[in-house]
N, C-alpha and C. Protein backbone atom coordinates (compact mmCIF):
# COMPACT_ATOMS: atom_id res chain seq x y z
N MET A 1 50.90 -52.63 -78.48
CA MET A 1 51.82 -53.61 -77.95
C MET A 1 53.14 -52.96 -77.53
N ILE A 2 53.67 -52.10 -78.37
CA ILE A 2 54.93 -51.42 -78.04
C ILE A 2 54.72 -50.52 -76.83
N ARG A 3 53.57 -49.87 -76.76
CA ARG A 3 53.26 -49.00 -75.63
C ARG A 3 53.29 -49.81 -74.33
N ALA A 4 52.77 -51.02 -74.32
CA ALA A 4 52.75 -51.87 -73.13
C ALA A 4 54.15 -52.24 -72.70
N LEU A 5 55.07 -52.43 -73.65
CA LEU A 5 56.45 -52.77 -73.32
C LEU A 5 57.15 -51.61 -72.60
N PHE A 6 56.86 -50.39 -72.99
CA PHE A 6 57.47 -49.23 -72.34
C PHE A 6 56.80 -48.92 -71.00
N LEU A 7 55.53 -49.20 -70.89
CA LEU A 7 54.78 -48.87 -69.69
C LEU A 7 55.07 -49.85 -68.55
N ALA A 8 55.32 -51.10 -68.85
CA ALA A 8 55.54 -52.12 -67.82
C ALA A 8 56.73 -51.79 -66.92
N PRO A 9 57.93 -51.43 -67.46
CA PRO A 9 59.04 -51.09 -66.56
C PRO A 9 58.76 -49.85 -65.72
N ALA A 10 58.06 -48.89 -66.29
CA ALA A 10 57.75 -47.67 -65.53
C ALA A 10 56.84 -48.00 -64.36
N LEU A 11 55.88 -48.85 -64.57
CA LEU A 11 54.99 -49.26 -63.47
C LEU A 11 55.76 -50.05 -62.41
N ALA A 12 56.66 -50.89 -62.84
CA ALA A 12 57.45 -51.68 -61.89
C ALA A 12 58.32 -50.76 -61.03
N LEU A 13 58.92 -49.75 -61.64
CA LEU A 13 59.75 -48.82 -60.87
C LEU A 13 58.91 -47.99 -59.92
N ALA A 14 57.74 -47.60 -60.33
CA ALA A 14 56.86 -46.82 -59.46
C ALA A 14 56.45 -47.63 -58.23
N ALA A 15 56.26 -48.91 -58.41
CA ALA A 15 55.85 -49.77 -57.30
C ALA A 15 56.98 -49.92 -56.27
N CYS A 16 58.21 -49.77 -56.69
CA CYS A 16 59.36 -49.94 -55.80
C CYS A 16 59.77 -48.63 -55.12
N ALA A 17 59.17 -47.54 -55.48
CA ALA A 17 59.55 -46.25 -54.89
C ALA A 17 59.30 -46.27 -53.38
N ALA A 18 60.23 -45.67 -52.66
CA ALA A 18 60.10 -45.62 -51.20
C ALA A 18 58.96 -44.68 -50.83
N PRO A 19 58.18 -45.05 -49.81
CA PRO A 19 57.09 -44.16 -49.39
C PRO A 19 57.67 -42.86 -48.81
N GLU A 20 56.92 -41.81 -48.91
CA GLU A 20 57.36 -40.53 -48.38
C GLU A 20 57.41 -40.60 -46.85
N PRO A 21 58.51 -40.16 -46.24
CA PRO A 21 58.59 -40.24 -44.77
C PRO A 21 57.51 -39.39 -44.11
N GLN A 22 56.99 -39.89 -43.01
CA GLN A 22 55.96 -39.18 -42.28
C GLN A 22 56.59 -38.48 -41.09
N ARG A 23 56.09 -37.30 -40.81
CA ARG A 23 56.56 -36.53 -39.66
C ARG A 23 55.88 -37.07 -38.40
N VAL A 24 56.66 -37.32 -37.38
CA VAL A 24 56.14 -37.87 -36.13
C VAL A 24 56.52 -36.94 -35.00
N GLU A 25 55.56 -36.62 -34.14
CA GLU A 25 55.85 -35.82 -32.96
C GLU A 25 56.06 -36.75 -31.78
N VAL A 26 57.10 -36.51 -31.05
CA VAL A 26 57.43 -37.34 -29.90
C VAL A 26 57.25 -36.49 -28.65
N PHE A 27 56.47 -36.98 -27.73
CA PHE A 27 56.23 -36.27 -26.47
C PHE A 27 56.80 -37.11 -25.34
N ARG A 28 57.65 -36.47 -24.56
CA ARG A 28 58.23 -37.16 -23.41
C ARG A 28 57.52 -36.69 -22.15
N ALA A 29 57.48 -37.55 -21.17
CA ALA A 29 56.90 -37.18 -19.88
C ALA A 29 57.92 -36.36 -19.11
N PRO A 30 57.45 -35.42 -18.30
CA PRO A 30 58.39 -34.65 -17.49
C PRO A 30 59.08 -35.54 -16.46
N PRO A 31 60.21 -35.10 -15.95
CA PRO A 31 60.91 -35.90 -14.93
C PRO A 31 59.99 -36.24 -13.75
N ALA A 32 60.06 -37.46 -13.31
CA ALA A 32 59.18 -37.95 -12.24
C ALA A 32 59.31 -37.13 -10.96
N ALA A 33 60.50 -36.63 -10.68
CA ALA A 33 60.72 -35.85 -9.45
C ALA A 33 59.89 -34.57 -9.43
N LEU A 34 59.48 -34.10 -10.61
CA LEU A 34 58.70 -32.86 -10.68
C LEU A 34 57.19 -33.12 -10.61
N LEU A 35 56.78 -34.37 -10.52
CA LEU A 35 55.36 -34.69 -10.59
C LEU A 35 54.72 -34.97 -9.24
N THR A 36 55.49 -34.89 -8.18
CA THR A 36 54.94 -35.16 -6.85
C THR A 36 55.27 -34.01 -5.93
N CYS A 37 54.25 -33.47 -5.31
CA CYS A 37 54.43 -32.36 -4.36
C CYS A 37 54.50 -32.90 -2.94
N GLN A 38 55.08 -32.08 -2.11
CA GLN A 38 55.10 -32.37 -0.67
C GLN A 38 53.67 -32.48 -0.18
N ASN A 39 53.41 -33.38 0.73
CA ASN A 39 52.07 -33.48 1.32
C ASN A 39 51.79 -32.26 2.18
N SER A 40 50.53 -31.87 2.21
CA SER A 40 50.14 -30.80 3.13
C SER A 40 50.23 -31.33 4.56
N PRO A 41 50.66 -30.50 5.47
CA PRO A 41 50.74 -30.97 6.86
C PRO A 41 49.34 -31.18 7.42
N THR A 42 49.25 -32.08 8.36
CA THR A 42 47.95 -32.31 9.00
C THR A 42 47.63 -31.11 9.90
N VAL A 43 46.38 -30.78 9.93
CA VAL A 43 45.94 -29.65 10.76
C VAL A 43 46.06 -30.06 12.23
N PRO A 44 46.82 -29.30 12.98
CA PRO A 44 47.02 -29.69 14.38
C PRO A 44 45.83 -29.29 15.25
N ASP A 45 45.72 -29.95 16.35
CA ASP A 45 44.74 -29.54 17.36
C ASP A 45 45.49 -28.54 18.26
N ALA A 46 45.73 -27.37 17.67
CA ALA A 46 46.61 -26.39 18.30
C ALA A 46 45.97 -25.75 19.53
N GLU A 47 46.79 -25.61 20.55
CA GLU A 47 46.33 -24.95 21.76
C GLU A 47 47.02 -23.60 21.95
N THR A 48 48.09 -23.38 21.17
CA THR A 48 48.80 -22.10 21.32
C THR A 48 48.99 -21.47 19.94
N GLN A 49 49.29 -20.17 19.96
CA GLN A 49 49.57 -19.47 18.71
C GLN A 49 50.87 -19.97 18.09
N ALA A 50 51.79 -20.43 18.90
CA ALA A 50 53.06 -20.96 18.39
C ALA A 50 52.81 -22.21 17.55
N GLU A 51 51.90 -23.07 18.01
CA GLU A 51 51.57 -24.28 17.24
C GLU A 51 50.90 -23.91 15.92
N VAL A 52 50.03 -22.92 15.94
CA VAL A 52 49.37 -22.45 14.72
C VAL A 52 50.42 -21.88 13.77
N ALA A 53 51.35 -21.11 14.30
CA ALA A 53 52.39 -20.50 13.48
C ALA A 53 53.27 -21.57 12.82
N ARG A 54 53.63 -22.61 13.58
CA ARG A 54 54.44 -23.70 12.99
C ARG A 54 53.67 -24.40 11.87
N TYR A 55 52.37 -24.58 12.08
CA TYR A 55 51.53 -25.20 11.04
C TYR A 55 51.50 -24.34 9.78
N VAL A 56 51.33 -23.04 9.96
CA VAL A 56 51.28 -22.13 8.80
C VAL A 56 52.60 -22.16 8.04
N VAL A 57 53.71 -22.23 8.77
CA VAL A 57 55.03 -22.29 8.11
C VAL A 57 55.15 -23.59 7.31
N ARG A 58 54.73 -24.72 7.90
CA ARG A 58 54.80 -26.01 7.17
C ARG A 58 53.86 -26.01 5.97
N LEU A 59 52.69 -25.41 6.13
CA LEU A 59 51.72 -25.32 5.03
C LEU A 59 52.28 -24.47 3.88
N HIS A 60 52.89 -23.36 4.25
CA HIS A 60 53.50 -22.50 3.23
C HIS A 60 54.63 -23.24 2.50
N ALA A 61 55.45 -23.99 3.23
CA ALA A 61 56.55 -24.74 2.61
C ALA A 61 56.03 -25.78 1.62
N ALA A 62 54.94 -26.47 1.98
CA ALA A 62 54.36 -27.46 1.07
C ALA A 62 53.83 -26.78 -0.20
N GLY A 63 53.19 -25.64 -0.02
CA GLY A 63 52.69 -24.90 -1.18
C GLY A 63 53.83 -24.40 -2.06
N GLN A 64 54.90 -23.93 -1.44
CA GLN A 64 56.06 -23.45 -2.20
C GLN A 64 56.71 -24.59 -2.97
N ASP A 65 56.73 -25.77 -2.38
CA ASP A 65 57.28 -26.95 -3.07
C ASP A 65 56.51 -27.20 -4.36
N CYS A 66 55.18 -27.15 -4.27
CA CYS A 66 54.35 -27.39 -5.46
C CYS A 66 54.52 -26.28 -6.49
N ARG A 67 54.56 -25.04 -6.05
CA ARG A 67 54.73 -23.92 -6.99
C ARG A 67 56.07 -24.03 -7.71
N ALA A 68 57.11 -24.40 -6.98
CA ALA A 68 58.44 -24.53 -7.60
C ALA A 68 58.45 -25.66 -8.62
N LYS A 69 57.83 -26.78 -8.27
CA LYS A 69 57.80 -27.91 -9.21
C LYS A 69 56.94 -27.61 -10.42
N LEU A 70 55.83 -26.92 -10.23
CA LEU A 70 54.99 -26.54 -11.35
C LEU A 70 55.76 -25.60 -12.29
N GLY A 71 56.50 -24.68 -11.72
CA GLY A 71 57.32 -23.79 -12.53
C GLY A 71 58.38 -24.56 -13.30
N ALA A 72 58.98 -25.55 -12.67
CA ALA A 72 59.99 -26.37 -13.34
C ALA A 72 59.37 -27.19 -14.47
N VAL A 73 58.17 -27.72 -14.26
CA VAL A 73 57.49 -28.47 -15.32
C VAL A 73 57.16 -27.54 -16.48
N LYS A 74 56.73 -26.32 -16.18
CA LYS A 74 56.43 -25.35 -17.24
C LYS A 74 57.68 -25.04 -18.04
N LYS A 75 58.78 -24.80 -17.37
CA LYS A 75 60.05 -24.51 -18.05
C LYS A 75 60.49 -25.71 -18.89
N TRP A 76 60.39 -26.90 -18.33
CA TRP A 76 60.75 -28.13 -19.04
C TRP A 76 59.87 -28.29 -20.28
N SER A 77 58.57 -28.06 -20.11
CA SER A 77 57.63 -28.22 -21.22
C SER A 77 57.93 -27.24 -22.34
N GLU A 78 58.24 -26.00 -22.00
CA GLU A 78 58.57 -25.00 -23.02
C GLU A 78 59.84 -25.37 -23.75
N SER A 79 60.78 -26.00 -23.08
CA SER A 79 62.01 -26.41 -23.76
C SER A 79 61.74 -27.56 -24.73
N GLN A 80 60.70 -28.34 -24.48
CA GLN A 80 60.36 -29.46 -25.37
C GLN A 80 59.82 -28.97 -26.70
N GLU A 81 59.25 -27.76 -26.76
CA GLU A 81 58.72 -27.21 -28.00
C GLU A 81 59.79 -27.18 -29.08
N LYS A 82 61.03 -26.95 -28.69
CA LYS A 82 62.12 -26.85 -29.65
C LYS A 82 62.42 -28.20 -30.29
N ILE A 83 62.06 -29.29 -29.62
CA ILE A 83 62.36 -30.63 -30.10
C ILE A 83 61.25 -31.14 -31.02
N ARG A 84 60.00 -30.77 -30.74
CA ARG A 84 58.87 -31.29 -31.51
C ARG A 84 59.00 -30.99 -32.99
N GLY A 85 58.52 -31.90 -33.77
CA GLY A 85 58.42 -31.69 -35.20
C GLY A 85 59.70 -32.04 -35.96
N THR A 86 60.77 -32.41 -35.28
CA THR A 86 61.97 -32.78 -36.00
C THR A 86 61.88 -34.27 -36.34
N PRO A 87 62.25 -34.62 -37.56
CA PRO A 87 62.15 -36.04 -37.96
C PRO A 87 63.17 -36.90 -37.27
């Protein structure tokens, strides 16, 4: 009987203990401006080498736009590693 009197308050206090905090990882999406590349230019019905050259320049610019944005997303993503895991 005496044992039950001492055990009851201990059980009541244990029931009120705060749960242990859980670690949560938060992932953010990269900036929207980095998720869309320039459209590839339409292939012209070129009749001269000058028209072909202009197309190649526009095609290269579109590819460079995507490479630059992909590099920026990679850099952004690597910077997010420092944030992960903090409560």
